[in-house]
C-alpha atoms as a PDB file:
ATOM      1  CA  MET A   1       4.381  21.674   7.346  1.00  0.00           C
ATOM      2  CA  LEU A   2       6.128  24.011   5.262  1.00  0.00           C
ATOM      3  CA  GLU A   3       5.636  26.959   7.841  1.00  0.00           C
ATOM      4  CA  SER A   4       7.051  24.898  10.695  1.00  0.00           C
ATOM      5  CA  PHE A   5      10.021  23.519   8.861  1.00  0.00           C
ATOM      6  CA  ALA A   6      12.017  25.811   6.734  1.00  0.00           C
ATOM      7  CA  ASP A   7      14.247  23.043   5.132  1.00  0.00           C
ATOM      8  CA  VAL A   8      11.324  20.915   3.711  1.00  0.00           C
ATOM      9  CA  ASN A   9      10.946  20.891  -0.226  1.00  0.00           C
ATOM     10  CA  PRO A  10       7.495  19.784  -1.446  1.00  0.00           C
ATOM     11  CA  LEU A  11       7.205  18.115  -4.946  1.00  0.00           C
ATOM     12  CA  ASP A  12       3.619  17.393  -6.282  1.00  0.00           C
ATOM     13  CA  SER A  13       3.634  13.916  -7.643  1.00  0.00           C
ATOM     14  CA  TRP A  14       1.470  10.824  -8.261  1.00  0.00           C
ATOM     15  CA  GLY A  15      -1.776  12.113  -6.685  1.00  0.00           C
ATOM     16  CA  GLY A  16      -0.096  13.472  -3.731  1.00  0.00           C
ATOM     17  CA  LYS A  17       2.843  15.668  -2.403  1.00  0.00           C
ATOM     18  CA  SER A  18       6.281  14.425  -1.480  1.00  0.00           C
ATOM     19  CA  PHE A  19       8.205  16.012   0.854  1.00  0.00           C
ATOM     20  CA  PHE A  20      12.131  16.194   0.978  1.00  0.00           C
ATOM     21  CA  LEU A  21      14.277  17.448   3.834  1.00  0.00           C
ATOM     22  CA  ASN A  22      17.013  19.784   2.446  1.00  0.00           C
ATOM     23  CA  PRO A  23      19.042  21.523   5.143  1.00  0.00           C
ATOM     24  CA  GLY A  24      20.496  24.785   3.553  1.00  0.00           C
ATOM     25  CA  HIS A  25      19.044  23.585   0.153  1.00  0.00           C
ATOM     26  CA  GLN A  26      22.389  22.068  -0.816  1.00  0.00           C
ATOM     27  CA  LEU A  27      20.843  19.179  -2.683  1.00  0.00           C
ATOM     28  CA  LYS A  28      18.679  19.224  -5.724  1.00  0.00           C
ATOM     29  CA  ARG A  29      15.743  17.987  -3.860  1.00  0.00           C
ATOM     30  CA  GLY A  30      16.916  16.598  -0.558  1.00  0.00           C
ATOM     31  CA  THR A  31      16.329  13.515   1.286  1.00  0.00           C
ATOM     32  CA  TYR A  32      12.623  12.031   0.914  1.00  0.00           C
ATOM     33  CA  PHE A  33      10.848  11.546   4.001  1.00  0.00           C
ATOM     34  CA  ALA A  34       6.995  11.620   3.449  1.00  0.00           C
ATOM     35  CA  THR A  35       4.111  11.588   1.081  1.00  0.00           C
ATOM     36  CA  LEU A  36       0.513  13.068   1.758  1.00  0.00           C
ATOM     37  CA  LYS A  37      -2.035  11.458  -0.720  1.00  0.00           C
ATOM     38  CA  GLU A  38      -4.554  13.679  -2.119  1.00  0.00           C
ATOM     39  CA  LYS A  39      -6.216  10.913  -4.275  1.00  0.00           C
ATOM     40  CA  ASP A  40      -6.100   7.309  -4.941  1.00  0.00           C
ATOM     41  CA  GLY A  41      -4.443   6.035  -8.027  1.00  0.00           C
ATOM     42  CA  ASP A  42      -5.475   3.039  -9.995  1.00  0.00           C
ATOM     43  CA  ASN A  43      -2.659   0.941  -8.620  1.00  0.00           C
ATOM     44  CA  ASP A  44      -2.903   1.850  -4.993  1.00  0.00           C
ATOM     45  CA  ARG A  45      -3.226  -1.277  -3.033  1.00  0.00           C
ATOM     46  CA  HIS A  46      -4.975   0.652  -0.172  1.00  0.00           C
ATOM     47  CA  ARG A  47      -7.809   1.519  -2.510  1.00  0.00           C
ATOM     48  CA  LEU A  48      -8.365  -2.219  -3.126  1.00  0.00           C
ATOM     49  CA  VAL A  49      -8.243  -3.067   0.612  1.00  0.00           C
ATOM     50  CA  ARG A  50     -10.717  -0.261   1.437  1.00  0.00           C
ATOM     51  CA  THR A  51     -13.109  -1.512  -1.208  1.00  0.00           C
ATOM     52  CA  GLY A  52     -12.802  -5.058  -0.464  1.00  0.00           C
ATOM     53  CA  GLN A  53     -11.456  -5.802  -3.957  1.00  0.00           C
ATOM     54  CA  LEU A  54      -8.122  -7.218  -2.566  1.00  0.00           C
ATOM     55  CA  PRO A  55      -7.744 -10.886  -3.436  1.00  0.00           C
ATOM     56  CA  ASN A  56      -6.769 -13.206  -0.254  1.00  0.00           C
ATOM     57  CA  PRO A  57      -3.047 -13.979  -0.102  1.00  0.00           C
END
């Protein structure tokens, strides 16, 4: 992603990498637009769904 889009600013956070769009690097970080998860955290709802631990609503 970084090779294709020069105005993207990555930031490591919370078990993943967040990406911010920052044309011309005018802002401190830019505008958030995506996160790629590298691992599940203890409070990730998706992890509970995948393991069948999520209670019925």
